[in-house]
Amino acid sequence: MRKVLIVVAILLVGGLIAADRIGVRIVEDRIGREVAAQYDLREDPDVTIHGFPFLTQAIGGEYDRIDLRIGEYAQADVTVRDVRVEMHGVRAPLGEVTGGDSRNVTVRTATASAVVPYDLIRRYAPKEITRIAPQGPDLRVDLSGSLAGVPLSGTAVVSVRATAEGIRITPRSIGNGAVQLPVNVLRERLAWTVPVRDLPVGSRIGDVQVTEGGLRVSASARNLRLNDLRTN
């Protein structure tokens, strides 16, 4: 009898685990469809609900962490890549989510990030900037042409920061071989802004990090609804 009980217990646990995994996939798929519909995405994003067991979270309607990977996202004429949203403290009543109603889904904190590729950054740069590459926390740019009637060549280091208008890129120092013009002149004539302001948390970008593939920007928000996870 003891062996039978052990076998039954193993089967029951296996059944609960299977039900747990099936349940999490159902809710992940539902959230993915909702987000795709809000953003007019061609494909549903990847959704990952963290924590185990899932059924305990689902019954209580409280999830510790849910991640979204949207991939590319276009707004106006700007397309960013590798868009991710990390949500903590998600309140989502199971019956409403599975029934397609996301109006009462709330999020305690949400952080979104995306990569702004260098080809997009170059598109908005002054014509005198011919190449952009990462250099530590800054960017290195190649210069060519003329400025204020003076031939322009060599390199410069530019800094990046988040502003209300987007990513502001400003010359910080001049490299060897560059035109001998005051840095303040370069800052005035060669600074530019990439109009990436908002990310899918209804919030302005607040941080910019230099990476090999582009500038990773991020934005955070607190106490919002799932329907607020959109750009303004």
Protein backbone atom coordinates (compact mmCIF):
# COMPACT_ATOMS: atom_id res chain seq x y z
CA MET A 1 0.00 0.00 0.00
CA ARG A 2 2.86 2.34 0.81
CA LYS A 3 4.31 1.87 -2.68
CA VAL A 4 0.90 2.54 -4.21
CA LEU A 5 0.55 5.76 -2.22
CA ILE A 6 4.01 6.86 -3.33
CA VAL A 7 3.11 6.21 -6.97
CA VAL A 8 -0.18 8.10 -6.59
CA ALA A 9 1.61 11.01 -4.93
CA ILE A 10 4.17 11.16 -7.75
CA LEU A 11 1.41 11.14 -10.37
CA LEU A 12 -0.54 13.85 -8.57
CA VAL A 13 2.52 16.07 -8.32
CA GLY A 14 3.27 15.44 -11.99
CA GLY A 15 -0.30 16.35 -12.87
CA LEU A 16 -0.11 19.58 -10.88
CA ILE A 17 3.16 20.52 -12.54
CA ALA A 18 1.66 19.82 -15.98
CA ALA A 19 -1.42 21.87 -15.11
CA ASP A 20 0.84 24.62 -13.81
CA ARG A 21 2.80 24.77 -17.07
CA ILE A 22 -0.36 24.63 -19.20
CA GLY A 23 -1.92 27.42 -17.16
CA VAL A 24 1.09 29.68 -17.43
CA ARG A 25 1.20 29.25 -21.21
CA ILE A 26 -2.48 30.17 -21.51
CA VAL A 27 -2.03 33.40 -19.55
CA GLU A 28 1.26 34.26 -21.31
CA ASP A 29 -0.43 33.83 -24.69
CA ARG A 30 -3.36 35.98 -23.61
CA ILE A 31 -1.11 38.81 -22.40
CA GLY A 32 0.89 38.58 -25.63
CA ARG A 33 -2.25 38.98 -27.75
CA GLU A 34 -3.41 41.96 -25.68
CA VAL A 35 -0.08 43.77 -26.06
CA ALA A 36 0.11 42.99 -29.79
CA ALA A 37 -3.37 44.44 -30.27
CA GLN A 38 -2.49 47.64 -28.38
CA TYR A 39 0.65 48.29 -30.42
CA ASP A 40 -0.52 46.90 -33.78
CA LEU A 41 2.39 44.45 -33.71
CA ARG A 42 2.77 41.98 -36.55
CA GLU A 43 3.68 39.24 -34.08
CA ASP A 44 2.74 38.57 -30.47
CA PRO A 45 5.58 39.42 -28.07
CA ASP A 46 7.29 36.78 -25.97
CA VAL A 47 5.83 36.77 -22.47
CA THR A 48 7.47 35.13 -19.45
CA ILE A 49 5.73 34.81 -16.10
CA HIS A 50 8.31 34.18 -13.40
CA GLY A 51 7.77 32.27 -10.18
CA PHE A 52 6.64 28.77 -9.28
CA PRO A 53 4.07 27.48 -8.71
CA PHE A 54 2.16 29.52 -11.24
CA LEU A 55 -1.24 28.27 -10.06
CA THR A 56 -0.73 29.83 -6.64
CA GLN A 57 -0.04 33.20 -8.25
CA ALA A 58 -2.93 32.80 -10.70
CA ILE A 59 -5.51 31.93 -8.06
CA GLY A 60 -4.45 34.90 -5.96
CA GLY A 61 -4.25 37.15 -9.02
CA GLU A 62 -0.81 38.42 -7.93
CA TYR A 63 2.36 37.92 -9.97
CA ASP A 64 5.83 38.81 -8.74
CA ARG A 65 7.32 39.47 -12.18
CA ILE A 66 6.24 39.35 -15.82
CA ASP A 67 8.61 40.09 -18.72
CA LEU A 68 7.73 41.10 -22.28
CA ARG A 69 10.08 40.94 -25.27
CA ILE A 70 8.52 42.93 -28.08
CA GLY A 71 11.45 43.02 -30.52
CA GLU A 72 11.20 45.93 -32.94
CA TYR A 73 8.83 48.79 -32.27
CA ALA A 74 8.07 51.67 -34.64
CA GLN A 75 6.74 55.07 -33.66
CA ALA A 76 6.36 57.67 -36.40
CA ASP A 77 9.54 57.32 -38.50
CA VAL A 78 11.66 55.91 -35.66
CA THR A 79 12.17 52.17 -35.16
CA VAL A 80 13.92 50.83 -32.06
CA ARG A 81 15.04 47.26 -31.47
CA ASP A 82 15.11 44.68 -28.69
CA VAL A 83 12.27 46.30 -26.77
CA ARG A 84 11.83 44.74 -23.32
CA VAL A 85 9.38 45.46 -20.53
CA GLU A 86 9.91 44.14 -16.99
CA MET A 87 6.89 44.38 -14.69
CA HIS A 88 6.83 43.74 -10.95
CA GLY A 89 3.83 43.44 -8.64
CA VAL A 90 1.28 42.61 -11.33
CA ARG A 91 -2.33 42.33 -10.18
CA ALA A 92 -4.33 40.33 -12.75
CA PRO A 93 -7.56 38.53 -11.76
CA LEU A 94 -7.42 35.14 -13.50
CA GLY A 95 -11.02 35.10 -14.70
CA GLU A 96 -10.73 38.51 -16.32
CA VAL A 97 -7.40 37.78 -18.01
CA THR A 98 -8.51 34.46 -19.50
CA GLY A 99 -11.76 36.14 -20.57
CA GLY A 100 -9.90 38.83 -22.48
CA ASP A 101 -10.57 41.72 -20.08
CA SER A 102 -7.37 43.58 -19.15
CA ARG A 103 -8.97 46.75 -17.77
CA ASN A 104 -8.28 45.81 -14.15
CA VAL A 105 -4.71 44.55 -14.65
CA THR A 106 -2.42 46.82 -12.63
CA VAL A 107 1.37 47.01 -12.30
CA ARG A 108 3.30 48.28 -9.29
CA THR A 109 6.51 49.04 -11.22
CA ALA A 110 7.45 48.70 -14.88
CA THR A 111 10.74 49.31 -16.66
CA ALA A 112 11.05 49.37 -20.44
CA SER A 113 14.24 49.43 -22.47
CA ALA A 114 15.14 49.44 -26.15
CA VAL A 115 18.18 49.74 -28.41
CA VAL A 116 18.43 52.73 -30.73
CA PRO A 117 20.70 51.47 -33.55
CA TYR A 118 23.62 53.54 -34.76
CA ASP A 119 22.24 53.80 -38.29
CA LEU A 120 19.19 55.59 -36.87
CA ILE A 121 21.41 57.89 -34.80
CA ARG A 122 23.48 58.67 -37.90
CA ARG A 123 20.33 59.58 -39.84
CA TYR A 124 19.71 62.57 -37.56
CA ALA A 125 23.36 63.64 -37.28
CA PRO A 126 24.79 66.73 -39.03
CA LYS A 127 26.21 65.97 -42.47
CA GLU A 128 29.76 66.62 -41.21
CA ILE A 129 29.57 63.45 -39.08
CA THR A 130 30.36 60.46 -41.26
CA ARG A 131 30.75 57.61 -38.79
CA ILE A 132 29.63 56.79 -35.24
CA ALA A 133 31.11 54.16 -32.92
CA PRO A 134 31.03 53.42 -29.18
CA GLN A 135 33.89 54.61 -26.98
CA GLY A 136 33.36 53.75 -23.33
CA PRO A 137 30.39 55.70 -21.95
CA ASP A 138 30.55 58.10 -24.93
CA LEU A 139 30.57 57.91 -28.73
CA ARG A 140 33.41 58.58 -31.15
CA VAL A 141 32.52 60.27 -34.43
CA ASP A 142 34.48 60.84 -37.63
CA LEU A 143 34.35 64.34 -39.07
CA SER A 144 34.54 65.42 -42.69
CA GLY A 145 33.64 68.46 -44.78
CA SER A 146 33.90 72.03 -43.54
CA LEU A 147 32.59 74.10 -40.67
CA ALA A 148 32.45 77.90 -40.61
CA GLY A 149 34.60 77.88 -43.75
CA VAL A 150 37.30 75.76 -42.12
CA PRO A 151 38.11 72.27 -43.49
CA LEU A 152 36.90 69.63 -41.08
CA SER A 153 38.53 66.24 -40.52
CA GLY A 154 39.59 63.89 -37.74
CA THR A 155 37.51 62.64 -34.83
CA ALA A 156 35.59 63.92 -31.83
CA VAL A 157 34.09 62.39 -28.70
CA VAL A 158 30.42 63.13 -28.08
CA SER A 159 28.36 62.60 -24.94
CA VAL A 160 24.79 61.27 -24.81
CA ARG A 161 21.97 62.08 -22.42
CA ALA A 162 18.20 61.82 -22.16
CA THR A 163 16.14 65.01 -22.56
CA ALA A 164 12.46 65.85 -22.96
CA GLU A 165 13.02 66.06 -26.74
CA GLY A 166 14.89 62.75 -27.04
CA ILE A 167 18.53 61.66 -26.96
CA ARG A 168 20.78 64.72 -27.00
CA ILE A 169 24.24 64.13 -28.48
CA THR A 170 26.86 66.83 -27.88
CA PRO A 171 30.58 67.12 -28.80
CA ARG A 172 32.73 66.90 -25.67
CA SER A 173 36.32 66.80 -26.93
CA ILE A 174 38.31 66.92 -30.16
CA GLY A 175 40.65 64.11 -31.22
CA ASN A 176 44.01 64.30 -32.96
CA GLY A 177 43.79 65.60 -36.50
CA ALA A 178 40.48 67.37 -35.98
CA VAL A 179 39.94 70.95 -37.04
CA GLN A 180 41.24 73.43 -34.50
CA LEU A 181 37.98 75.11 -33.61
CA PRO A 182 36.81 75.89 -30.08
CA VAL A 183 34.79 73.09 -28.51
CA ASN A 184 31.91 75.50 -27.88
CA VAL A 185 31.66 76.09 -31.64
CA LEU A 186 31.52 72.36 -32.27
CA ARG A 187 28.90 71.97 -29.56
CA GLU A 188 26.76 74.64 -31.16
CA ARG A 189 27.08 73.43 -34.76
CA LEU A 190 27.47 69.66 -34.41
CA ALA A 191 25.08 68.75 -31.59
CA TRP A 192 21.90 66.91 -32.53
CA THR A 193 18.85 65.17 -31.06
CA VAL A 194 17.45 61.75 -31.91
CA PRO A 195 13.65 61.97 -31.34
CA VAL A 196 13.21 58.87 -29.18
CA ARG A 197 11.30 60.19 -26.18
CA ASP A 198 8.92 57.55 -24.88
CA LEU A 199 8.89 53.81 -24.31
CA PRO A 200 5.97 51.44 -23.67
CA VAL A 201 5.43 52.37 -20.04
CA GLY A 202 3.85 55.75 -20.76
CA SER A 203 7.01 57.47 -19.51
CA ARG A 204 9.88 59.52 -20.93
CA ILE A 205 13.28 57.89 -21.25
CA GLY A 206 15.45 58.56 -18.23
CA ASP A 207 18.69 56.70 -18.93
CA VAL A 208 20.97 56.14 -21.93
CA GLN A 209 23.74 53.53 -22.05
CA VAL A 210 26.27 53.03 -24.85
CA THR A 211 26.46 49.46 -26.22
CA GLU A 212 28.08 47.81 -29.23
CA GLY A 213 24.76 47.60 -31.07
CA GLY A 214 23.46 51.07 -30.31
CA LEU A 215 22.22 53.21 -27.44
CA ARG A 216 20.10 51.32 -24.92
CA VAL A 217 17.50 53.66 -23.49
CA SER A 218 15.22 52.92 -20.56
CA ALA A 219 12.16 54.37 -18.85
CA SER A 220 10.35 53.48 -15.63
CA ALA A 221 6.87 54.02 -14.24
CA ARG A 222 4.93 53.14 -11.10
CA ASN A 223 1.33 52.27 -10.27
CA LEU A 224 -0.17 51.95 -13.72
CA ARG A 225 -2.58 49.75 -15.63
CA LEU A 226 -1.69 47.33 -18.41
CA ASN A 227 -3.55 49.61 -20.83
CA ASP A 228 -1.09 52.38 -19.89
CA LEU A 229 1.88 50.39 -21.23
CA ARG A 230 1.94 52.44 -24.40
CA THR A 231 3.67 55.52 -25.66
CA ASN A 232 1.85 58.83 -25.45
